[in-house]
């Protein structure tokens, strides 16, 4: 099988696109959980985990040259 080679800018663009999608999914999950009146224990843990992951993904996105705003 032949190798597929891409330049660094293309690779960074792929990573940014993936991170952007993951960030959007986390925002959606957080908003769904925030809209509930009462959260179960596991939902509270899910929200805490989502906020933690969101912070890390946003920092990684920034590292790869993405702009959150």
Protein backbone atom coordinates (compact mmCIF):
# COMPACT_ATOMS: atom_id res chain seq x y z
CA UNK A 1 0.00 0.00 0.00
CA UNK A 2 1.27 3.46 -0.88
CA UNK A 3 1.68 6.08 1.78
CA UNK A 4 -0.46 9.19 1.80
CA UNK A 5 1.50 12.24 2.80
CA UNK A 6 0.07 15.60 3.80
CA UNK A 7 1.80 18.78 4.85
CA UNK A 8 1.73 20.11 8.40
CA UNK A 9 -0.81 22.85 7.67
CA UNK A 10 -3.27 20.32 6.28
CA UNK A 11 -2.78 18.05 9.28
CA UNK A 12 -3.34 21.00 11.64
CA UNK A 13 -6.53 21.87 9.75
CA UNK A 14 -7.84 18.34 10.17
CA UNK A 15 -7.09 18.43 13.90
CA UNK A 16 -8.79 21.86 14.24
CA UNK A 17 -11.90 20.62 12.43
CA UNK A 18 -12.13 17.56 14.67
CA UNK A 19 -11.61 19.61 17.82
CA UNK A 20 -14.20 22.18 16.73
CA UNK A 21 -16.77 19.42 16.23
CA UNK A 22 -15.98 17.89 19.63
CA UNK A 23 -16.26 21.30 21.31
CA UNK A 24 -19.66 21.88 19.70
CA UNK A 25 -20.88 18.45 20.87
CA UNK A 26 -19.75 19.16 24.42
CA UNK A 27 -21.53 22.54 24.41
CA UNK A 28 -24.70 20.79 23.26
CA UNK A 29 -24.42 18.15 26.00
CA UNK A 30 -23.80 20.79 28.66
CA UNK A 31 -26.78 22.85 27.50
CA UNK A 32 -29.06 19.80 27.57
CA UNK A 33 -27.98 19.00 31.12
CA UNK A 34 -28.31 22.65 32.23
CA UNK A 35 -31.89 22.74 30.93
CA UNK A 36 -33.00 20.01 33.35
CA UNK A 37 -34.51 21.01 36.67
CA UNK A 38 -32.87 18.21 38.61
CA UNK A 39 -29.86 16.14 37.73
CA UNK A 40 -29.13 12.62 38.85
CA UNK A 41 -25.74 11.93 40.40
CA UNK A 42 -24.40 10.53 37.13
CA UNK A 43 -25.70 13.54 35.18
CA UNK A 44 -23.89 15.86 37.59
CA UNK A 45 -20.72 13.86 37.03
CA UNK A 46 -21.27 13.97 33.26
CA UNK A 47 -21.57 17.75 33.42
CA UNK A 48 -18.41 18.09 35.50
CA UNK A 49 -16.54 15.82 33.08
CA UNK A 50 -17.88 17.76 30.08
CA UNK A 51 -16.68 21.08 31.52
CA UNK A 52 -13.25 19.61 32.22
CA UNK A 53 -12.99 18.10 28.74
CA UNK A 54 -14.24 21.34 27.18
CA UNK A 55 -11.49 23.31 28.87
CA UNK A 56 -8.83 20.92 27.62
CA UNK A 57 -10.21 20.79 24.08
CA UNK A 58 -10.42 24.58 23.87
CA UNK A 59 -6.80 24.92 24.96
CA UNK A 60 -5.72 22.29 22.43
CA UNK A 61 -7.79 24.03 19.73
CA UNK A 62 -6.03 27.29 20.56
CA UNK A 63 -2.64 25.55 20.35
CA UNK A 64 -3.43 24.39 16.81
CA UNK A 65 -4.31 27.94 15.76
CA UNK A 66 -8.07 27.76 16.18
CA UNK A 67 -10.11 30.71 17.35
CA UNK A 68 -12.92 29.85 19.78
CA UNK A 69 -14.74 33.15 19.30
